[in-house]
Amino acid sequence: MKKTCDAAYTSRECSQCHHTARSNRPSQARFACKVCGFVEHADHNSSHNIAHRGWMSWVRGARSTAPALTLIA
């Protein structure tokens, strides 16, 4: 599978304001943004960031590795 977006620092980046800092991750399971105050489970926050990066990569023209969809009548 081809990787189309970089997942680096997604666990430290706020999915709301995109501020990135080590201090945003006070524990393994908790994410709390120091700028906007957004609080969420760290893995859930990271998944939003990865989805956003993947979407932006696709919008900018990255080729999809998913198989073509066909309609069955």
PDB file of N, CA and C in Angstrom:
ATOM      1  N   MET A   1       0.838  -1.172   0.000  1.00  0.00           N
ATOM      2  CA  MET A   1       0.000   0.000   0.000  1.00  0.00           C
ATOM      3  C   MET A   1       0.887   1.240   0.000  1.00  0.00           C
ATOM      4  N   LYS A   2       0.584   2.164  -0.875  1.00  0.00           N
ATOM      5  CA  LYS A   2       1.362   3.391  -0.973  1.00  0.00           C
ATOM      6  C   LYS A   2       0.876   4.408   0.051  1.00  0.00           C
ATOM      7  N   LYS A   3       1.799   4.993   0.774  1.00  0.00           N
ATOM      8  CA  LYS A   3       1.481   6.010   1.777  1.00  0.00           C
ATOM      9  C   LYS A   3       1.377   7.358   1.074  1.00  0.00           C
ATOM     10  N   THR A   4       0.231   8.039   1.220  1.00  0.00           N
ATOM     11  CA  THR A   4       0.047   9.314   0.538  1.00  0.00           C
ATOM     12  C   THR A   4       0.124  10.514   1.464  1.00  0.00           C
ATOM     13  N   CYS A   5       0.129  10.303   2.783  1.00  0.00           N
ATOM     14  CA  CYS A   5       0.271  11.436   3.695  1.00  0.00           C
ATOM     15  C   CYS A   5       1.189  11.040   4.841  1.00  0.00           C
ATOM     16  N   ASP A   6       1.923  12.015   5.327  1.00  0.00           N
ATOM     17  CA  ASP A   6       2.869  11.792   6.411  1.00  0.00           C
ATOM     18  C   ASP A   6       2.135  11.856   7.751  1.00  0.00           C
ATOM     19  N   ALA A   7       2.266  10.821   8.557  1.00  0.00           N
ATOM     20  CA  ALA A   7       1.571  10.757   9.843  1.00  0.00           C
ATOM     21  C   ALA A   7       2.403  11.337  11.000  1.00  0.00           C
ATOM     22  N   ALA A   8       3.544  11.924  10.685  1.00  0.00           N
ATOM     23  CA  ALA A   8       4.409  12.476  11.739  1.00  0.00           C
ATOM     24  C   ALA A   8       3.714  13.601  12.500  1.00  0.00           C
ATOM     25  N   TYR A   9       3.821  13.550  13.806  1.00  0.00           N
ATOM     26  CA  TYR A   9       3.313  14.567  14.727  1.00  0.00           C
ATOM     27  C   TYR A   9       1.790  14.699  14.761  1.00  0.00           C
ATOM     28  N   THR A  10       1.060  13.752  14.201  1.00  0.00           N
ATOM     29  CA  THR A  10      -0.401  13.834  14.251  1.00  0.00           C
ATOM     30  C   THR A  10      -0.913  13.680  15.672  1.00  0.00           C
ATOM     31  N   SER A  11      -0.154  13.029  16.542  1.00  0.00           N
ATOM     32  CA  SER A  11      -0.596  12.878  17.931  1.00  0.00           C
ATOM     33  C   SER A  11      -0.344  14.138  18.754  1.00  0.00           C
ATOM     34  N   ARG A  12       0.427  15.072  18.219  1.00  0.00           N
ATOM     35  CA  ARG A  12       0.725  16.325  18.928  1.00  0.00           C
ATOM     36  C   ARG A  12       0.013  17.521  18.303  1.00  0.00           C
ATOM     37  N   GLU A  13      -0.647  17.310  17.167  1.00  0.00           N
ATOM     38  CA  GLU A  13      -1.315  18.396  16.456  1.00  0.00           C
ATOM     39  C   GLU A  13      -2.793  18.455  16.828  1.00  0.00           C
ATOM     40  N   CYS A  14      -3.286  19.649  17.081  1.00  0.00           N
ATOM     41  CA  CYS A  14      -4.704  19.826  17.402  1.00  0.00           C
ATOM     42  C   CYS A  14      -5.521  19.702  16.115  1.00  0.00           C
ATOM     43  N   SER A  15      -6.541  18.864  16.135  1.00  0.00           N
ATOM     44  CA  SER A  15      -7.371  18.686  14.945  1.00  0.00           C
ATOM     45  C   SER A  15      -8.317  19.863  14.716  1.00  0.00           C
ATOM     46  N   GLN A  16      -8.400  20.790  15.665  1.00  0.00           N
ATOM     47  CA  GLN A  16      -9.272  21.956  15.528  1.00  0.00           C
ATOM     48  C   GLN A  16      -8.509  23.189  15.054  1.00  0.00           C
ATOM     49  N   CYS A  17      -7.411  23.531  15.714  1.00  0.00           N
ATOM     50  CA  CYS A  17      -6.672  24.758  15.360  1.00  0.00           C
ATOM     51  C   CYS A  17      -5.313  24.452  14.711  1.00  0.00           C
ATOM     52  N   HIS A  18      -4.903  23.187  14.688  1.00  0.00           N
ATOM     53  CA  HIS A  18      -3.658  22.695  14.064  1.00  0.00           C
ATOM     54  C   HIS A  18      -2.383  23.178  14.745  1.00  0.00           C
ATOM     55  N   HIS A  19      -2.502  23.644  15.991  1.00  0.00           N
ATOM     56  CA  HIS A  19      -1.313  23.970  16.783  1.00  0.00           C
ATOM     57  C   HIS A  19      -0.619  22.650  17.135  1.00  0.00           C
ATOM     58  N   THR A  20       0.693  22.599  16.953  1.00  0.00           N
ATOM     59  CA  THR A  20       1.454  21.389  17.230  1.00  0.00           C
ATOM     60  C   THR A  20       2.476  21.667  18.321  1.00  0.00           C
ATOM     61  N   ALA A  21       2.411  20.868  19.400  1.00  0.00           N
ATOM     62  CA  ALA A  21       3.367  21.007  20.500  1.00  0.00           C
ATOM     63  C   ALA A  21       3.389  19.714  21.307  1.00  0.00           C
ATOM     64  N   ARG A  22       4.537  19.394  21.834  1.00  0.00           N
ATOM     65  CA  ARG A  22       4.678  18.208  22.670  1.00  0.00           C
ATOM     66  C   ARG A  22       3.772  18.290  23.900  1.00  0.00           C
ATOM     67  N   SER A  23       3.605  19.500  24.422  1.00  0.00           N
ATOM     68  CA  SER A  23       2.796  19.684  25.635  1.00  0.00           C
ATOM     69  C   SER A  23       1.298  19.468  25.402  1.00  0.00           C
ATOM     70  N   ASN A  24       0.870  19.365  24.152  1.00  0.00           N
ATOM     71  CA  ASN A  24      -0.536  19.069  23.857  1.00  0.00           C
ATOM     72  C   ASN A  24      -0.908  17.643  24.254  1.00  0.00           C
ATOM     73  N   ARG A  25       0.074  16.810  24.496  1.00  0.00           N
ATOM     74  CA  ARG A  25      -0.155  15.400  24.802  1.00  0.00           C
ATOM     75  C   ARG A  25       0.304  15.117  26.235  1.00  0.00           C
ATOM     76  N   PRO A  26      -0.511  15.469  27.259  1.00  0.00           N
ATOM     77  CA  PRO A  26      -0.089  15.307  28.651  1.00  0.00           C
ATOM     78  C   PRO A  26       0.031  13.855  29.096  1.00  0.00           C
ATOM     79  N   SER A  27      -0.651  12.937  28.417  1.00  0.00           N
ATOM     80  CA  SER A  27      -0.543  11.513  28.749  1.00  0.00           C
ATOM     81  C   SER A  27      -0.739  10.690  27.477  1.00  0.00           C
ATOM     82  N   GLN A  28      -0.578   9.387  27.583  1.00  0.00           N
ATOM     83  CA  GLN A  28      -0.702   8.504  26.428  1.00  0.00           C
ATOM     84  C   GLN A  28      -2.093   8.573  25.796  1.00  0.00           C
ATOM     85  N   ALA A  29      -3.134   8.685  26.618  1.00  0.00           N
ATOM     86  CA  ALA A  29      -4.504   8.624  26.115  1.00  0.00           C
ATOM     87  C   ALA A  29      -5.182   9.975  25.979  1.00  0.00           C
ATOM     88  N   ARG A  30      -4.584  11.029  26.478  1.00  0.00           N
ATOM     89  CA  ARG A  30      -5.260  12.319  26.520  1.00  0.00           C
ATOM     90  C   ARG A  30      -4.593  13.351  25.624  1.00  0.00           C
ATOM     91  N   PHE A  31      -5.423  14.103  24.908  1.00  0.00           N
ATOM     92  CA  PHE A  31      -4.952  15.228  24.112  1.00  0.00           C
ATOM     93  C   PHE A  31      -5.631  16.486  24.640  1.00  0.00           C
ATOM     94  N   ALA A  32      -4.870  17.527  24.903  1.00  0.00           N
ATOM     95  CA  ALA A  32      -5.414  18.805  25.370  1.00  0.00           C
ATOM     96  C   ALA A  32      -4.598  19.929  24.744  1.00  0.00           C
ATOM     97  N   CYS A  33      -5.203  20.656  23.803  1.00  0.00           N
ATOM     98  CA  CYS A  33      -4.508  21.739  23.105  1.00  0.00           C
ATOM     99  C   CYS A  33      -4.244  22.903  24.042  1.00  0.00           C
ATOM    100  N   LYS A  34      -3.014  23.373  24.054  1.00  0.00           N
ATOM    101  CA  LYS A  34      -2.619  24.491  24.907  1.00  0.00           C
ATOM    102  C   LYS A  34      -3.056  25.843  24.342  1.00  0.00           C
ATOM    103  N   VAL A  35      -3.440  25.893  23.061  1.00  0.00           N
ATOM    104  CA  VAL A  35      -3.836  27.157  22.446  1.00  0.00           C
ATOM    105  C   VAL A  35      -5.351  27.354  22.488  1.00  0.00           C
ATOM    106  N   CYS A  36      -6.118  26.392  21.950  1.00  0.00           N
ATOM    107  CA  CYS A  36      -7.572  26.579  21.864  1.00  0.00           C
ATOM    108  C   CYS A  36      -8.350  25.862  22.960  1.00  0.00           C
ATOM    109  N   GLY A  37      -7.698  24.971  23.718  1.00  0.00           N
ATOM    110  CA  GLY A  37      -8.354  24.284  24.821  1.00  0.00           C
ATOM    111  C   GLY A  37      -9.117  23.029  24.436  1.00  0.00           C
ATOM    112  N   PHE A  38      -9.047  22.619  23.185  1.00  0.00           N
ATOM    113  CA  PHE A  38      -9.736  21.418  22.719  1.00  0.00           C
ATOM    114  C   PHE A  38      -9.189  20.185  23.441  1.00  0.00           C
ATOM    115  N   VAL A  39     -10.097  19.334  23.956  1.00  0.00           N
ATOM    116  CA  VAL A  39      -9.706  18.120  24.681  1.00  0.00           C
ATOM    117  C   VAL A  39     -10.412  16.924  24.041  1.00  0.00           C
ATOM    118  N   GLU A  40      -9.646  15.846  23.809  1.00  0.00           N
ATOM    119  CA  GLU A  40     -10.202  14.638  23.202  1.00  0.00           C
ATOM    120  C   GLU A  40      -9.249  13.473  23.477  1.00  0.00           C
ATOM    121  N   HIS A  41      -9.724  12.258  23.238  1.00  0.00           N
ATOM    122  CA  HIS A  41      -8.840  11.096  23.329  1.00  0.00           C
ATOM    123  C   HIS A  41      -7.747  11.267  22.277  1.00  0.00           C
ATOM    124  N   ALA A  42      -6.521  11.006  22.634  1.00  0.00           N
ATOM    125  CA  ALA A  42      -5.377  11.266  21.763  1.00  0.00           C
ATOM    126  C   ALA A  42      -5.459  10.516  20.442  1.00  0.00           C
ATOM    127  N   ASP A  43      -5.868   9.255  20.461  1.00  0.00           N
ATOM    128  CA  ASP A  43      -5.959   8.480  19.220  1.00  0.00           C
ATOM    129  C   ASP A  43      -7.056   9.014  18.303  1.00  0.00           C
ATOM    130  N   HIS A  44      -8.151   9.455  18.877  1.00  0.00           N
ATOM    131  CA  HIS A  44      -9.247  10.002  18.080  1.00  0.00           C
ATOM    132  C   HIS A  44      -8.809  11.307  17.429  1.00  0.00           C
ATOM    133  N   ASN A  45      -8.122  12.150  18.170  1.00  0.00           N
ATOM    134  CA  ASN A  45      -7.592  13.393  17.625  1.00  0.00           C
ATOM    135  C   ASN A  45      -6.614  13.105  16.480  1.00  0.00           C
ATOM    136  N   SER A  46      -5.725  12.147  16.679  1.00  0.00           N
ATOM    137  CA  SER A  46      -4.747  11.784  15.643  1.00  0.00           C
ATOM    138  C   SER A  46      -5.430  11.288  14.381  1.00  0.00           C
ATOM    139  N   SER A  47      -6.487  10.485  14.551  1.00  0.00           N
ATOM    140  CA  SER A  47      -7.185   9.950  13.378  1.00  0.00           C
ATOM    141  C   SER A  47      -7.825  11.061  12.559  1.00  0.00           C
ATOM    142  N   HIS A  48      -8.314  12.112  13.223  1.00  0.00           N
ATOM    143  CA  HIS A  48      -8.857  13.259  12.492  1.00  0.00           C
ATOM    144  C   HIS A  48      -7.756  13.950  11.692  1.00  0.00           C
ATOM    145  N   ASN A  49      -6.581  14.080  12.280  1.00  0.00           N
ATOM    146  CA  ASN A  49      -5.460  14.715  11.581  1.00  0.00           C
ATOM    147  C   ASN A  49      -5.010  13.906  10.370  1.00  0.00           C
ATOM    148  N   ILE A  50      -4.941  12.594  10.513  1.00  0.00           N
ATOM    149  CA  ILE A  50      -4.545  11.734   9.393  1.00  0.00           C
ATOM    150  C   ILE A  50      -5.583  11.802   8.286  1.00  0.00           C
ATOM    151  N   ALA A  51      -6.864  11.780   8.653  1.00  0.00           N
ATOM    152  CA  ALA A  51      -7.926  11.897   7.650  1.00  0.00           C
ATOM    153  C   ALA A  51      -7.844  13.238   6.920  1.00  0.00           C
ATOM    154  N   HIS A  52      -7.586  14.304   7.659  1.00  0.00           N
ATOM    155  CA  HIS A  52      -7.475  15.627   7.048  1.00  0.00           C
ATOM    156  C   HIS A  52      -6.289  15.686   6.086  1.00  0.00           C
ATOM    157  N   ARG A  53      -5.156  15.138   6.501  1.00  0.00           N
ATOM    158  CA  ARG A  53      -3.974  15.141   5.623  1.00  0.00           C
ATOM    159  C   ARG A  53      -4.209  14.300   4.377  1.00  0.00           C
ATOM    160  N   GLY A  54      -4.869  13.167   4.536  1.00  0.00           N
ATOM    161  CA  GLY A  54      -5.193  12.330   3.378  1.00  0.00           C
ATOM    162  C   GLY A  54      -6.137  13.032   2.421  1.00  0.00           C
ATOM    163  N   TRP A  55      -7.151  13.700   2.966  1.00  0.00           N
ATOM    164  CA  TRP A  55      -8.106  14.450   2.145  1.00  0.00           C
ATOM    165  C   TRP A  55      -7.391  15.563   1.381  1.00  0.00           C
ATOM    166  N   MET A  56      -6.537  16.304   2.072  1.00  0.00           N
ATOM    167  CA  MET A  56      -5.827  17.400   1.408  1.00  0.00           C
ATOM    168  C   MET A  56      -4.876  16.877   0.332  1.00  0.00           C
ATOM    169  N   SER A  57      -4.280  15.733   0.557  1.00  0.00           N
ATOM    170  CA  SER A  57      -3.417  15.120  -0.440  1.00  0.00           C
ATOM    171  C   SER A  57      -4.222  14.748  -1.684  1.00  0.00           C
ATOM    172  N   TRP A  58      -5.409  14.193  -1.471  1.00  0.00           N
ATOM    173  CA  TRP A  58      -6.270  13.801  -2.582  1.00  0.00           C
ATOM    174  C   TRP A  58      -6.764  15.026  -3.347  1.00  0.00           C
ATOM    175  N   VAL A  59      -7.155  16.072  -2.624  1.00  0.00           N
ATOM    176  CA  VAL A  59      -7.646  17.301  -3.255  1.00  0.00           C
ATOM    177  C   VAL A  59      -6.554  17.930  -4.122  1.00  0.00           C
ATOM    178  N   ARG A  60      -5.313  17.806  -3.675  1.00  0.00           N
ATOM    179  CA  ARG A  60      -4.191  18.390  -4.429  1.00  0.00           C
ATOM    180  C   ARG A  60      -3.753  17.527  -5.610  1.00  0.00           C
ATOM    181  N   GLY A  61      -4.406  16.394  -5.810  1.00  0.00           N
ATOM    182  CA  GLY A  61      -4.136  15.602  -7.007  1.00  0.00           C
ATOM    183  C   GLY A  61      -3.351  14.326  -6.809  1.00  0.00           C
ATOM    184  N   ALA A  62      -3.170  13.867  -5.587  1.00  0.00           N
ATOM    185  CA  ALA A  62      -2.468  12.592  -5.385  1.00  0.00           C
ATOM    186  C   ALA A  62      -3.311  11.470  -5.972  1.00  0.00           C
ATOM    187  N   ARG A  63      -2.684  10.531  -6.609  1.00  0.00           N
ATOM    188  CA  ARG A  63      -3.398   9.404  -7.205  1.00  0.00           C
ATOM    189  C   ARG A  63      -3.849   8.433  -6.121  1.00  0.00           C
ATOM    190  N   SER A  64      -5.062   7.974  -6.250  1.00  0.00           N
ATOM    191  CA  SER A  64      -5.612   7.022  -5.294  1.00  0.00           C
ATOM    192  C   SER A  64      -5.073   5.631  -5.579  1.00  0.00           C
ATOM    193  N   THR A  65      -4.873   4.854  -4.517  1.00  0.00           N
ATOM    194  CA  THR A  65      -4.450   3.463  -4.678  1.00  0.00           C
ATOM    195  C   THR A  65      -5.638   2.513  -4.525  1.00  0.00           C
ATOM    196  N   ALA A  66      -6.835   3.065  -4.312  1.00  0.00           N
ATOM    197  CA  ALA A  66      -8.038   2.241  -4.177  1.00  0.00           C
ATOM    198  C   ALA A  66      -8.480   1.748  -5.553  1.00  0.00           C
ATOM    199  N   PRO A  67      -9.044   0.530  -5.609  1.00  0.00           N
ATOM    200  CA  PRO A  67      -9.520   0.023  -6.894  1.00  0.00           C
ATOM    201  C   PRO A  67     -10.716   0.846  -7.382  1.00  0.00           C
ATOM    202  N   ALA A  68     -10.887   0.900  -8.695  1.00  0.00           N
ATOM    203  CA  ALA A  68     -12.000   1.642  -9.274  1.00  0.00           C
ATOM    204  C   ALA A  68     -13.334   1.007  -8.877  1.00  0.00           C
ATOM    205  N   LEU A  69     -14.318   1.832  -8.628  1.00  0.00           N
ATOM    206  CA  LEU A  69     -15.643   1.335  -8.290  1.00  0.00           C
ATOM    207  C   LEU A  69     -16.429   1.037  -9.550  1.00  0.00           C
ATOM    208  N   THR A  70     -17.175  -0.045  -9.525  1.00  0.00           N
ATOM    209  CA  THR A  70     -18.061  -0.375 -10.655  1.00  0.00           C
ATOM    210  C   THR A  70     -19.449  -0.632 -10.124  1.00  0.00           C
ATOM    211  N   LEU A  71     -20.433  -0.194 -10.859  1.00  0.00           N
ATOM    212  CA  LEU A  71     -21.817  -0.398 -10.467  1.00  0.00           C
ATOM    213  C   LEU A  71     -22.303  -1.723 -11.012  1.00  0.00           C
ATOM    214  N   ILE A  72     -23.003  -2.462 -10.190  1.00  0.00           N
ATOM    215  CA  ILE A  72     -23.584  -3.741 -10.600  1.00  0.00           C
ATOM    216  C   ILE A  72     -25.091  -3.545 -10.677  1.00  0.00           C
ATOM    217  N   ALA A  73     -25.644  -3.737 -11.857  1.00  0.00           N
ATOM    218  CA  ALA A  73     -27.099  -3.511 -12.044  1.00  0.00           C
ATOM    219  C   ALA A  73     -27.889  -4.771 -11.822  1.00  0.00           C
TER     220      ALA A  73
END
